[in-house]
Amino acid sequence: RYDIEHLRGGLERAPLFDVAEVEDQVVGLVIV
């Protein structure tokens, strides 16, 4: 399970944090 703080840290420091969507539903992520 991810927690919000881990993911927020990814938004702040990762040069790539993308999500995948299917029919406007977020279904996956990649962080580099």
PDB file of all heavy atoms in Angstrom:
ATOM      1  N   ARG A   1       0.857  -1.190   0.000  1.00  0.00           N
ATOM      2  CA  ARG A   1       0.000   0.000   0.000  1.00  0.00           C
ATOM      3  C   ARG A   1       0.890   1.235   0.000  1.00  0.00           C
ATOM      4  O   ARG A   1       1.914   1.278   0.677  1.00  0.00           O
ATOM      5  CB  ARG A   1      -0.864   0.035   1.261  1.00  0.00           C
ATOM      6  CG  ARG A   1      -1.910  -1.025   1.297  1.00  0.00           C
ATOM      7  CD  ARG A   1      -3.248  -0.402   0.948  1.00  0.00           C
ATOM      8  NE  ARG A   1      -4.301  -1.390   1.018  1.00  0.00           N
ATOM      9  CZ  ARG A   1      -5.041  -1.696  -0.023  1.00  0.00           C
ATOM     10  NH1 ARG A   1      -4.874  -1.109  -1.159  1.00  0.00           N
ATOM     11  NH2 ARG A   1      -5.986  -2.594   0.092  1.00  0.00           N
ATOM     12  N   TYR A   2       0.473   2.206  -0.749  1.00  0.00           N
ATOM     13  CA  TYR A   2       1.138   3.506  -0.714  1.00  0.00           C
ATOM     14  C   TYR A   2       0.443   4.370   0.322  1.00  0.00           C
ATOM     15  O   TYR A   2      -0.737   4.204   0.585  1.00  0.00           O
ATOM     16  CB  TYR A   2       1.036   4.207  -2.074  1.00  0.00           C
ATOM     17  CG  TYR A   2       1.952   3.621  -3.110  1.00  0.00           C
ATOM     18  CD1 TYR A   2       1.481   2.767  -4.095  1.00  0.00           C
ATOM     19  CD2 TYR A   2       3.307   3.922  -3.107  1.00  0.00           C
ATOM     20  CE1 TYR A   2       2.318   2.232  -5.050  1.00  0.00           C
ATOM     21  CE2 TYR A   2       4.150   3.391  -4.060  1.00  0.00           C
ATOM     22  CZ  TYR A   2       3.658   2.554  -5.027  1.00  0.00           C
ATOM     23  OH  TYR A   2       4.494   2.029  -5.966  1.00  0.00           O
ATOM     24  N   ASP A   3       1.194   5.309   0.862  1.00  0.00           N
ATOM     25  CA  ASP A   3       0.560   6.326   1.693  1.00  0.00           C
ATOM     26  C   ASP A   3       0.727   7.671   1.007  1.00  0.00           C
ATOM     27  O   ASP A   3       1.602   7.857   0.156  1.00  0.00           O
ATOM     28  CB  ASP A   3       1.107   6.317   3.132  1.00  0.00           C
ATOM     29  CG  ASP A   3       2.577   6.680   3.219  1.00  0.00           C
ATOM     30  OD1 ASP A   3       2.951   7.789   2.780  1.00  0.00           O
ATOM     31  OD2 ASP A   3       3.356   5.858   3.731  1.00  0.00           O
ATOM     32  N   ILE A   4      -0.130   8.583   1.382  1.00  0.00           N
ATOM     33  CA  ILE A   4      -0.156   9.908   0.742  1.00  0.00           C
ATOM     34  C   ILE A   4       1.202  10.603   0.845  1.00  0.00           C
ATOM     35  O   ILE A   4       1.670  11.208  -0.123  1.00  0.00           O
ATOM     36  CB  ILE A   4      -1.265  10.792   1.370  1.00  0.00           C
ATOM     37  CG1 ILE A   4      -2.642  10.235   1.042  1.00  0.00           C
ATOM     38  CG2 ILE A   4      -1.140  12.251   0.946  1.00  0.00           C
ATOM     39  CD1 ILE A   4      -3.195  10.592  -0.305  1.00  0.00           C
ATOM     40  N   GLU A   5       1.850  10.518   1.983  1.00  0.00           N
ATOM     41  CA  GLU A   5       3.124  11.230   2.165  1.00  0.00           C
ATOM     42  C   GLU A   5       4.210  10.690   1.246  1.00  0.00           C
ATOM     43  O   GLU A   5       5.000  11.459   0.699  1.00  0.00           O
ATOM     44  CB  GLU A   5       3.571  11.197   3.628  1.00  0.00           C
ATOM     45  CG  GLU A   5       2.697  12.049   4.534  1.00  0.00           C
ATOM     46  CD  GLU A   5       2.453  13.457   3.993  1.00  0.00           C
ATOM     47  OE1 GLU A   5       3.427  14.158   3.639  1.00  0.00           O
ATOM     48  OE2 GLU A   5       1.279  13.874   3.916  1.00  0.00           O
ATOM     49  N   HIS A   6       4.263   9.385   1.068  1.00  0.00           N
ATOM     50  CA  HIS A   6       5.247   8.798   0.136  1.00  0.00           C
ATOM     51  C   HIS A   6       5.003   9.341  -1.268  1.00  0.00           C
ATOM     52  O   HIS A   6       5.934   9.764  -1.955  1.00  0.00           O
ATOM     53  CB  HIS A   6       5.158   7.271   0.145  1.00  0.00           C
ATOM     54  CG  HIS A   6       6.001   6.619  -0.900  1.00  0.00           C
ATOM     55  ND1 HIS A   6       7.349   6.416  -0.736  1.00  0.00           N
ATOM     56  CD2 HIS A   6       5.688   6.147  -2.135  1.00  0.00           C
ATOM     57  CE1 HIS A   6       7.833   5.832  -1.822  1.00  0.00           C
ATOM     58  NE2 HIS A   6       6.844   5.661  -2.686  1.00  0.00           N
ATOM     59  N   LEU A   7       3.762   9.310  -1.695  1.00  0.00           N
ATOM     60  CA  LEU A   7       3.432   9.780  -3.034  1.00  0.00           C
ATOM     61  C   LEU A   7       3.647  11.283  -3.174  1.00  0.00           C
ATOM     62  O   LEU A   7       4.139  11.750  -4.207  1.00  0.00           O
ATOM     63  CB  LEU A   7       1.991   9.404  -3.385  1.00  0.00           C
ATOM     64  CG  LEU A   7       1.734   7.899  -3.508  1.00  0.00           C
ATOM     65  CD1 LEU A   7       0.249   7.640  -3.718  1.00  0.00           C
ATOM     66  CD2 LEU A   7       2.560   7.278  -4.616  1.00  0.00           C
ATOM     67  N   ARG A   8       3.318  12.030  -2.139  1.00  0.00           N
ATOM     68  CA  ARG A   8       3.552  13.474  -2.184  1.00  0.00           C
ATOM     69  C   ARG A   8       5.047  13.760  -2.327  1.00  0.00           C
ATOM     70  O   ARG A   8       5.459  14.658  -3.065  1.00  0.00           O
ATOM     71  CB  ARG A   8       2.986  14.143  -0.931  1.00  0.00           C
ATOM     72  CG  ARG A   8       2.989  15.663  -1.012  1.00  0.00           C
ATOM     73  CD  ARG A   8       2.207  16.302   0.115  1.00  0.00           C
ATOM     74  NE  ARG A   8       0.780  16.134  -0.138  1.00  0.00           N
ATOM     75  CZ  ARG A   8      -0.087  15.635   0.735  1.00  0.00           C
ATOM     76  NH1 ARG A   8       0.296  15.242   1.931  1.00  0.00           N
ATOM     77  NH2 ARG A   8      -1.361  15.520   0.424  1.00  0.00           N
ATOM     78  N   GLY A   9       5.866  12.981  -1.630  1.00  0.00           N
ATOM     79  CA  GLY A   9       7.323  13.114  -1.778  1.00  0.00           C
ATOM     80  C   GLY A   9       7.755  12.859  -3.207  1.00  0.00           C
ATOM     81  O   GLY A   9       8.654  13.521  -3.720  1.00  0.00           O
ATOM     82  N   GLY A  10       7.116  11.890  -3.856  1.00  0.00           N
ATOM     83  CA  GLY A  10       7.414  11.631  -5.259  1.00  0.00           C
ATOM     84  C   GLY A  10       7.067  12.814  -6.142  1.00  0.00           C
ATOM     85  O   GLY A  10       7.825  13.177  -7.047  1.00  0.00           O
ATOM     86  N   LEU A  11       5.925  13.438  -5.872  1.00  0.00           N
ATOM     87  CA  LEU A  11       5.553  14.637  -6.641  1.00  0.00           C
ATOM     88  C   LEU A  11       6.581  15.745  -6.469  1.00  0.00           C
ATOM     89  O   LEU A  11       6.890  16.470  -7.416  1.00  0.00           O
ATOM     90  CB  LEU A  11       4.185  15.159  -6.197  1.00  0.00           C
ATOM     91  CG  LEU A  11       2.948  14.482  -6.749  1.00  0.00           C
ATOM     92  CD1 LEU A  11       1.700  15.101  -6.147  1.00  0.00           C
ATOM     93  CD2 LEU A  11       2.909  14.556  -8.262  1.00  0.00           C
ATOM     94  N   GLU A  12       7.096  15.887  -5.253  1.00  0.00           N
ATOM     95  CA  GLU A  12       8.025  16.978  -4.950  1.00  0.00           C
ATOM     96  C   GLU A  12       9.420  16.755  -5.503  1.00  0.00           C
ATOM     97  O   GLU A  12      10.079  17.699  -5.917  1.00  0.00           O
ATOM     98  CB  GLU A  12       8.090  17.190  -3.438  1.00  0.00           C
ATOM     99  CG  GLU A  12       6.799  17.704  -2.854  1.00  0.00           C
ATOM    100  CD  GLU A  12       6.768  17.664  -1.334  1.00  0.00           C
ATOM    101  OE1 GLU A  12       7.773  17.259  -0.706  1.00  0.00           O
ATOM    102  OE2 GLU A  12       5.723  18.025  -0.764  1.00  0.00           O
ATOM    103  N   ARG A  13       9.894  15.505  -5.517  1.00  0.00           N
ATOM    104  CA  ARG A  13      11.305  15.311  -5.868  1.00  0.00           C
ATOM    105  C   ARG A  13      11.576  14.493  -7.117  1.00  0.00           C
ATOM    106  O   ARG A  13      12.690  14.499  -7.623  1.00  0.00           O
ATOM    107  CB  ARG A  13      12.062  14.716  -4.690  1.00  0.00           C
ATOM    108  CG  ARG A  13      11.646  13.353  -4.265  1.00  0.00           C
ATOM    109  CD  ARG A  13      12.387  12.930  -2.991  1.00  0.00           C
ATOM    110  NE  ARG A  13      11.842  11.715  -2.485  1.00  0.00           N
ATOM    111  CZ  ARG A  13      12.342  10.507  -2.699  1.00  0.00           C
ATOM    112  NH1 ARG A  13      13.438  10.384  -3.382  1.00  0.00           N
ATOM    113  NH2 ARG A  13      11.771   9.446  -2.216  1.00  0.00           N
ATOM    114  N   ALA A  14      10.591  13.781  -7.631  1.00  0.00           N
ATOM    115  CA  ALA A  14      10.836  12.934  -8.799  1.00  0.00           C
ATOM    116  C   ALA A  14      10.703  13.735 -10.090  1.00  0.00           C
ATOM    117  O   ALA A  14       9.684  14.387 -10.310  1.00  0.00           O
ATOM    118  CB  ALA A  14       9.869  11.755  -8.809  1.00  0.00           C
ATOM    119  N   PRO A  15      11.691  13.659 -10.944  1.00  0.00           N
ATOM    120  CA  PRO A  15      11.558  14.341 -12.234  1.00  0.00           C
ATOM    121  C   PRO A  15      10.516  13.686 -13.136  1.00  0.00           C
ATOM    122  O   PRO A  15      10.009  14.319 -14.043  1.00  0.00           O
ATOM    123  CB  PRO A  15      12.950  14.255 -12.848  1.00  0.00           C
ATOM    124  CG  PRO A  15      13.641  13.150 -12.131  1.00  0.00           C
ATOM    125  CD  PRO A  15      13.007  13.053 -10.775  1.00  0.00           C
ATOM    126  N   LEU A  16      10.181  12.411 -12.854  1.00  0.00           N
ATOM    127  CA  LEU A  16       9.096  11.766 -13.568  1.00  0.00           C
ATOM    128  C   LEU A  16       8.196  11.058 -12.568  1.00  0.00           C
ATOM    129  O   LEU A  16       8.650  10.187 -11.821  1.00  0.00           O
ATOM    130  CB  LEU A  16       9.602  10.737 -14.587  1.00  0.00           C
ATOM    131  CG  LEU A  16       8.458  10.047 -15.355  1.00  0.00           C
ATOM    132  CD1 LEU A  16       7.917  10.955 -16.448  1.00  0.00           C
ATOM    133  CD2 LEU A  16       8.906   8.729 -15.931  1.00  0.00           C
ATOM    134  N   PHE A  17       6.951  11.444 -12.534  1.00  0.00           N
ATOM    135  CA  PHE A  17       5.906  10.762 -11.756  1.00  0.00           C
ATOM    136  C   PHE A  17       4.668  10.844 -12.624  1.00  0.00           C
ATOM    137  O   PHE A  17       4.001  11.872 -12.687  1.00  0.00           O
ATOM    138  CB  PHE A  17       5.696  11.448 -10.418  1.00  0.00           C
ATOM    139  CG  PHE A  17       4.674  10.782  -9.502  1.00  0.00           C
ATOM    140  CD1 PHE A  17       4.630  11.137  -8.171  1.00  0.00           C
ATOM    141  CD2 PHE A  17       3.770   9.827  -9.953  1.00  0.00           C
ATOM    142  CE1 PHE A  17       3.703  10.549  -7.296  1.00  0.00           C
ATOM    143  CE2 PHE A  17       2.846   9.235  -9.104  1.00  0.00           C
ATOM    144  CZ  PHE A  17       2.810   9.603  -7.770  1.00  0.00           C
ATOM    145  N   ASP A  18       4.400   9.763 -13.329  1.00  0.00           N
ATOM    146  CA  ASP A  18       3.272   9.711 -14.249  1.00  0.00           C
ATOM    147  C   ASP A  18       2.243   8.704 -13.761  1.00  0.00           C
ATOM    148  O   ASP A  18       2.573   7.768 -13.024  1.00  0.00           O
ATOM    149  CB  ASP A  18       3.731   9.308 -15.654  1.00  0.00           C
ATOM    150  CG  ASP A  18       4.394  10.449 -16.406  1.00  0.00           C
ATOM    151  OD1 ASP A  18       4.547  11.548 -15.835  1.00  0.00           O
ATOM    152  OD2 ASP A  18       4.776  10.241 -17.571  1.00  0.00           O
ATOM    153  N   VAL A  19       1.015   8.899 -14.184  1.00  0.00           N
ATOM    154  CA  VAL A  19      -0.055   7.957 -13.890  1.00  0.00           C
ATOM    155  C   VAL A  19      -0.636   7.448 -15.205  1.00  0.00           C
ATOM    156  O   VAL A  19      -0.538   8.102 -16.244  1.00  0.00           O
ATOM    157  CB  VAL A  19      -1.181   8.582 -13.031  1.00  0.00           C
ATOM    158  CG1 VAL A  19      -0.679   8.934 -11.644  1.00  0.00           C
ATOM    159  CG2 VAL A  19      -1.803   9.784 -13.709  1.00  0.00           C
ATOM    160  N   ALA A  20      -1.234   6.266 -15.135  1.00  0.00           N
ATOM    161  CA  ALA A  20      -1.979   5.704 -16.264  1.00  0.00           C
ATOM    162  C   ALA A  20      -3.453   5.829 -15.943  1.00  0.00           C
ATOM    163  O   ALA A  20      -3.863   5.661 -14.790  1.00  0.00           O
ATOM    164  CB  ALA A  20      -1.604   4.242 -16.458  1.00  0.00           C
ATOM    165  N   GLU A  21      -4.233   6.124 -16.964  1.00  0.00           N
ATOM    166  CA  GLU A  21      -5.680   6.234 -16.807  1.00  0.00           C
ATOM    167  C   GLU A  21      -6.384   5.335 -17.818  1.00  0.00           C
ATOM    168  O   GLU A  21      -5.921   5.195 -18.946  1.00  0.00           O
ATOM    169  CB  GLU A  21      -6.145   7.665 -17.072  1.00  0.00           C
ATOM    170  CG  GLU A  21      -5.755   8.663 -16.026  1.00  0.00           C
ATOM    171  CD  GLU A  21      -6.283  10.045 -16.352  1.00  0.00           C
ATOM    172  OE1 GLU A  21      -6.064  10.523 -17.482  1.00  0.00           O
ATOM    173  OE2 GLU A  21      -6.917  10.637 -15.472  1.00  0.00           O
ATOM    174  N   VAL A  22      -7.483   4.760 -17.379  1.00  0.00           N
ATOM    175  CA  VAL A  22      -8.382   4.015 -18.252  1.00  0.00           C
ATOM    176  C   VAL A  22      -9.768   4.591 -18.003  1.00  0.00           C
ATOM    177  O   VAL A  22     -10.252   4.573 -16.874  1.00  0.00           O
ATOM    178  CB  VAL A  22      -8.355   2.505 -17.952  1.00  0.00           C
ATOM    179  CG1 VAL A  22      -9.419   1.776 -18.757  1.00  0.00           C
ATOM    180  CG2 VAL A  22      -6.975   1.923 -18.212  1.00  0.00           C
ATOM    181  N   GLU A  23     -10.353   5.148 -19.037  1.00  0.00           N
ATOM    182  CA  GLU A  23     -11.674   5.775 -18.941  1.00  0.00           C
ATOM    183  C   GLU A  23     -11.741   6.742 -17.758  1.00  0.00           C
ATOM    184  O   GLU A  23     -12.636   6.676 -16.925  1.00  0.00           O
ATOM    185  CB  GLU A  23     -12.763   4.703 -18.855  1.00  0.00           C
ATOM    186  CG  GLU A  23     -12.821   3.838 -20.090  1.00  0.00           C
ATOM    187  CD  GLU A  23     -13.844   2.719 -19.992  1.00  0.00           C
ATOM    188  OE1 GLU A  23     -14.577   2.638 -18.980  1.00  0.00           O
ATOM    189  OE2 GLU A  23     -13.904   1.910 -20.932  1.00  0.00           O
ATOM    190  N   ASP A  24     -10.767   7.625 -17.688  1.00  0.00           N
ATOM    191  CA  ASP A  24     -10.664   8.666 -16.661  1.00  0.00           C
ATOM    192  C   ASP A  24     -10.473   8.141 -15.247  1.00  0.00           C
ATOM    193  O   ASP A  24     -10.635   8.877 -14.277  1.00  0.00           O
ATOM    194  CB  ASP A  24     -11.877   9.613 -16.701  1.00  0.00           C
ATOM    195  CG  ASP A  24     -11.959  10.370 -18.018  1.00  0.00           C
ATOM    196  OD1 ASP A  24     -10.894  10.740 -18.546  1.00  0.00           O
ATOM    197  OD2 ASP A  24     -13.084  10.574 -18.512  1.00  0.00           O
ATOM    198  N   GLN A  25     -10.135   6.861 -15.089  1.00  0.00           N
ATOM    199  CA  GLN A  25      -9.835   6.289 -13.777  1.00  0.00           C
ATOM    200  C   GLN A  25      -8.326   6.042 -13.694  1.00  0.00           C
ATOM    201  O   GLN A  25      -7.752   5.403 -14.569  1.00  0.00           O
ATOM    202  CB  GLN A  25     -10.579   4.965 -13.584  1.00  0.00           C
ATOM    203  CG  GLN A  25     -10.247   4.289 -12.266  1.00  0.00           C
ATOM    204  CD  GLN A  25     -10.888   2.904 -12.137  1.00  0.00           C
ATOM    205  OE1 GLN A  25     -11.659   2.468 -12.971  1.00  0.00           O
ATOM    206  NE2 GLN A  25     -10.529   2.218 -11.072  1.00  0.00           N
ATOM    207  N   VAL A  26      -7.693   6.568 -12.645  1.00  0.00           N
ATOM    208  CA  VAL A  26      -6.268   6.340 -12.426  1.00  0.00           C
ATOM    209  C   VAL A  26      -6.084   4.873 -12.039  1.00  0.00           C
ATOM    210  O   VAL A  26      -6.726   4.376 -11.107  1.00  0.00           O
ATOM    211  CB  VAL A  26      -5.719   7.278 -11.321  1.00  0.00           C
ATOM    212  CG1 VAL A  26      -4.288   6.926 -10.979  1.00  0.00           C
ATOM    213  CG2 VAL A  26      -5.822   8.726 -11.768  1.00  0.00           C
ATOM    214  N   VAL A  27      -5.212   4.159 -12.784  1.00  0.00           N
ATOM    215  CA  VAL A  27      -5.040   2.722 -12.559  1.00  0.00           C
ATOM    216  C   VAL A  27      -3.584   2.306 -12.357  1.00  0.00           C
ATOM    217  O   VAL A  27      -3.308   1.118 -12.165  1.00  0.00           O
ATOM    218  CB  VAL A  27      -5.657   1.889 -13.704  1.00  0.00           C
ATOM    219  CG1 VAL A  27      -7.159   2.132 -13.794  1.00  0.00           C
ATOM    220  CG2 VAL A  27      -4.966   2.169 -15.025  1.00  0.00           C
ATOM    221  N   GLY A  28      -2.651   3.241 -12.389  1.00  0.00           N
ATOM    222  CA  GLY A  28      -1.251   2.861 -12.199  1.00  0.00           C
ATOM    223  C   GLY A  28      -0.349   4.068 -12.127  1.00  0.00           C
ATOM    224  O   GLY A  28      -0.780   5.205 -12.346  1.00  0.00           O
ATOM    225  N   LEU A  29       0.910   3.807 -11.800  1.00  0.00           N
ATOM    226  CA  LEU A  29       1.878   4.887 -11.650  1.00  0.00           C
ATOM    227  C   LEU A  29       3.283   4.408 -11.983  1.00  0.00           C
ATOM    228  O   LEU A  29       3.575   3.213 -11.922  1.00  0.00           O
ATOM    229  CB  LEU A  29       1.853   5.428 -10.214  1.00  0.00           C
ATOM    230  CG  LEU A  29       2.282   4.457  -9.110  1.00  0.00           C
ATOM    231  CD1 LEU A  29       3.747   4.667  -8.755  1.00  0.00           C
ATOM    232  CD2 LEU A  29       1.436   4.680  -7.872  1.00  0.00           C
ATOM    233  N   VAL A  30       4.123   5.348 -12.333  1.00  0.00           N
ATOM    234  CA  VAL A  30       5.560   5.114 -12.492  1.00  0.00           C
ATOM    235  C   VAL A  30       6.287   6.338 -11.951  1.00  0.00           C
ATOM    236  O   VAL A  30       5.873   7.479 -12.203  1.00  0.00           O
ATOM    237  CB  VAL A  30       5.954   4.818 -13.956  1.00  0.00           C
ATOM    238  CG1 VAL A  30       5.697   5.997 -14.879  1.00  0.00           C
ATOM    239  CG2 VAL A  30       7.421   4.380 -14.042  1.00  0.00           C
ATOM    240  N   ILE A  31       7.352   6.086 -11.178  1.00  0.00           N
ATOM    241  CA  ILE A  31       8.169   7.156 -10.615  1.00  0.00           C
ATOM    242  C   ILE A  31       9.625   6.858 -10.947  1.00  0.00           C
ATOM    243  O   ILE A  31      10.091   5.730 -10.751  1.00  0.00           O
ATOM    244  CB  ILE A  31       7.996   7.271  -9.081  1.00  0.00           C
ATOM    245  CG1 ILE A  31       6.536   7.573  -8.721  1.00  0.00           C
ATOM    246  CG2 ILE A  31       8.935   8.327  -8.500  1.00  0.00           C
ATOM    247  CD1 ILE A  31       6.246   7.551  -7.220  1.00  0.00           C
ATOM    248  N   VAL A  32      10.339   7.865 -11.441  1.00  0.00           N
ATOM    249  CA  VAL A  32      11.761   7.726 -11.760  1.00  0.00           C
ATOM    250  C   VAL A  32      12.540   8.804 -11.030  1.00  0.00           C
ATOM    251  O   VAL A  32      12.168   9.982 -11.065  1.00  0.00           O
ATOM    252  CB  VAL A  32      12.018   7.850 -13.278  1.00  0.00           C
ATOM    253  CG1 VAL A  32      13.517   7.783 -13.584  1.00  0.00           C
ATOM    254  CG2 VAL A  32      11.275   6.768 -14.045  1.00  0.00           C
TER     255      VAL A  32
END
